[in-house]
Every structure is written in C-alpha cells, then in structure tokens.
Protein backbone atom coordinates (compact mmCIF):
# COMPACT_ATOMS: atom_id res chain seq x y z
CA MET A 1 117.02 111.50 119.43
CA ASN A 2 118.53 114.77 118.21
CA VAL A 3 118.33 113.54 114.59
CA ILE A 4 114.59 112.94 114.88
CA SER A 5 113.96 116.40 116.33
CA ILE A 6 116.05 118.01 113.56
CA PHE A 7 114.20 115.99 110.90
CA LEU A 8 110.76 116.83 112.30
CA GLY A 9 111.72 120.50 112.63
CA GLU A 10 112.68 120.52 108.95
CA PHE A 11 109.67 118.39 107.89
CA TRP A 12 106.66 120.39 109.11
CA PRO A 13 107.15 123.75 107.33
CA PRO A 14 107.41 122.29 103.79
CA PHE A 15 104.66 119.76 104.53
CA ILE A 16 102.21 122.45 105.63
CA GLY A 17 103.19 124.78 102.79
CA VAL A 18 102.91 122.16 100.05
CA ALA A 19 99.71 120.68 101.48
CA VAL A 20 98.00 124.07 101.60
CA GLY A 21 99.34 125.21 98.23
CA LEU A 22 98.50 121.97 96.43
CA SER A 23 95.05 121.88 98.05
CA VAL A 24 94.33 125.29 96.53
CA VAL A 25 95.59 124.12 93.12
CA TRP A 26 93.59 120.89 93.44
CA HIS A 27 90.41 122.78 94.27
CA ALA A 28 90.95 125.32 91.47
CA ARG A 29 91.51 122.62 88.86
CA ARG A 30 88.52 120.57 90.01
CA SER A 31 86.20 123.56 90.06
CA ALA A 32 87.06 124.48 86.46
CA LEU A 33 84.45 123.41 83.92
CA ASP A 34 86.62 120.70 82.39
CA GLY A 35 89.06 120.30 85.26
CA TYR A 36 90.51 117.08 86.57
CA PRO A 37 92.98 116.10 89.31
CA PRO A 38 96.50 117.57 89.04
CA PHE A 39 98.53 114.36 88.85
CA ILE A 40 96.66 112.76 85.93
CA GLY A 41 95.05 113.74 82.65
CA PRO A 42 93.03 112.32 79.76
CA LYS A 43 96.15 110.61 78.36
CA SER A 44 96.40 108.53 81.53
CA PHE A 45 93.36 106.46 80.55
CA THR A 46 93.27 104.23 77.47
CA GLU A 47 89.49 104.04 77.87
CA LEU A 48 89.21 107.64 76.67
CA SER A 49 91.12 107.22 73.42
CA GLY A 50 87.97 106.71 71.33
CA PHE A 51 86.39 110.02 72.36
CA PRO A 52 87.07 113.56 71.11
CA LYS A 53 89.29 115.75 73.33
CA ASP A 54 86.43 117.87 74.67
CA GLN A 55 84.43 114.80 75.63
CA GLN A 56 87.53 113.20 77.21
CA LYS A 57 87.93 116.22 79.49
CA GLN A 58 84.23 116.26 80.30
CA LEU A 59 84.14 112.53 81.14
CA LEU A 60 87.24 112.84 83.29
CA HIS A 61 85.80 115.86 85.09
CA GLU A 62 82.52 114.06 85.83
CA ALA A 63 84.31 110.95 87.05
CA SER A 64 86.70 112.92 89.26
CA THR A 65 83.80 114.85 90.78
CA GLU A 66 82.14 111.55 91.74
CA ALA A 67 85.33 109.76 92.79
CA PHE A 68 86.89 112.47 94.93
CA ALA A 69 83.94 113.64 96.95
CA GLY A 70 84.64 114.76 100.49
CA TRP A 71 87.86 114.10 102.37
CA ARG A 72 89.10 111.43 99.92
CA SER A 73 90.11 114.17 97.51
CA PHE A 74 92.96 115.19 99.80
CA ILE A 75 94.66 111.78 100.11
CA PRO A 76 96.84 112.27 96.99
CA VAL A 77 97.65 115.80 98.16
CA VAL A 78 98.76 114.54 101.57
CA VAL A 79 100.82 111.72 100.00
CA PHE A 80 102.65 114.14 97.70
CA ALA A 81 103.15 116.73 100.45
CA ALA A 82 104.51 114.10 102.84
CA MET A 83 106.95 112.71 100.28
CA PHE A 84 108.17 116.15 99.21
CA ALA A 85 108.54 117.31 102.81
CA ALA A 86 110.39 114.12 103.74
CA GLY A 87 112.85 114.68 100.89
CA ALA A 88 113.33 118.33 101.79
CA ALA A 89 113.79 117.49 105.47
CA LEU A 90 116.22 114.67 104.69
CA GLY A 91 118.23 116.98 102.43
CA ARG A 92 118.51 119.53 105.24
CA THR A 93 119.04 117.02 108.06
CA LEU A 94 121.80 114.87 106.56
CA PRO A 95 124.36 117.70 106.32
CA LYS A 96 123.78 118.46 109.99
CA VAL A 97 124.36 114.89 111.21
CA ALA A 98 126.63 113.29 108.58
CA THR A 99 129.47 114.21 106.26
CA VAL A 100 127.15 115.15 103.41
CA PRO A 101 127.97 118.62 102.01
CA ASP A 102 125.55 121.38 102.97
CA SER A 103 124.70 122.81 99.57
CA PHE A 104 121.74 123.95 97.55
CA TRP A 105 122.16 120.97 95.20
CA VAL A 106 121.93 118.41 98.02
CA HIS A 107 118.74 120.01 99.33
CA THR A 108 117.25 120.30 95.86
CA GLY A 109 118.30 116.79 94.82
CA PHE A 110 116.66 115.10 97.77
CA ALA A 111 113.52 117.21 97.47
CA ALA A 112 113.25 116.59 93.71
CA PHE A 113 113.80 112.84 94.03
CA PHE A 114 111.19 112.45 96.75
CA ALA A 115 108.79 114.82 94.94
CA ALA A 116 109.04 112.73 91.76
CA PHE A 117 108.38 109.57 93.75
CA GLY A 118 105.51 111.21 95.64
CA GLY A 119 103.99 112.58 92.43
CA GLY A 120 104.11 109.15 90.84
CA LEU A 121 102.57 107.55 93.91
CA ALA A 122 99.84 110.19 94.11
CA GLY A 123 99.12 109.74 90.39
CA ARG A 124 98.79 105.99 90.79
CA LEU A 125 96.43 106.46 93.72
CA GLU A 126 94.31 108.82 91.63
CA LEU A 127 94.30 106.44 88.65
CA ARG A 128 93.37 103.46 90.76
CA HIS A 129 90.56 105.27 92.52
CA LEU A 130 89.22 107.13 89.49
CA ARG A 131 89.15 104.32 86.91
CA PRO A 132 85.91 102.59 88.12
CA PHE A 133 84.05 105.90 88.15
CA LEU A 134 85.34 106.73 84.67
CA LYS A 135 84.23 103.35 83.34
CA ALA A 136 80.77 103.93 84.82
CA SER A 137 80.59 107.36 83.14
CA ILE A 138 81.61 105.87 79.79
CA GLU A 139 78.98 103.14 80.13
CA ARG A 140 76.30 105.76 80.87
CA ILE A 141 77.27 107.68 77.72
CA GLN A 142 77.26 104.53 75.60
CA HIS A 143 73.90 103.34 76.94
CA ALA A 144 72.36 106.77 76.37
CA ALA A 145 73.42 106.74 72.71
C-alpha cells in the first residue's frame, strides 16, 4: 500500500503541470490562423500531398476546428499528460522501493520513454479522429472547384 501512495504522490504534480501547460500550448496553436493540433502536422496525412503548403495548413486547421470542438480537444492532452506523469512517477518511485539507483538519468529515462509512448498514442488518437473531418473538408474544396 505504501508503494501506491508514493506513486500517486509523485504522479499528480507532473500530471497537473503537463496537462495545464500542454492545454495552453494546444489552445495557442489551435487559435493561430493556420494552427493545428500539437502532435500531428500536414505531413501526417497523405491526403494533403496534392495541395500547396498554405492550403494544407488551412485544410488541417479547418478540420481540426471541426473535429476537436468542446471537451474532445483535451483527450490527447490528458493521454499525453497521464503517460508522462506515470513515467516520471515510476522513475521516482522505483528507487524508493527497489534497488534501482536514484539518479537523474533514471528519472529522465522513465519520463522520456513514457512521454514518447504517450506522444505517439496521442498523435494516433488525433489522426484517427481528425481524418474523417479532413476528408470532408477536401471533398468540399473539390466540389466547389
């Protein structure tokens, strides 16, 4: 039971910090004129390869505005924050309960590994959710022309 309390004590501060910080970054990028979600970009979609760079950014911005309306926009942020915080907490908990050395590199290694996994997972969630809206935006452009 002591391990769980140590883990949760180490989990909440990075989770709250990353969730708040990344929410601000997410909102700033989405409110920019040609902004799109932080974990993906125009190169993530093969559907955009036939368009000029400016139009790629515009299409992606329009699709992300439609796709991530309301509370759904924070799901990738929460996924990334939870994975990063879990890695950071695990890196700080293991030296306290096992024979793992208590060093900066152990803490950083666990946090980086879990952050990379969380970033990939958040990116896949964004791609999966955004693709139908992007295809609809492309179809609107093609039908208008």
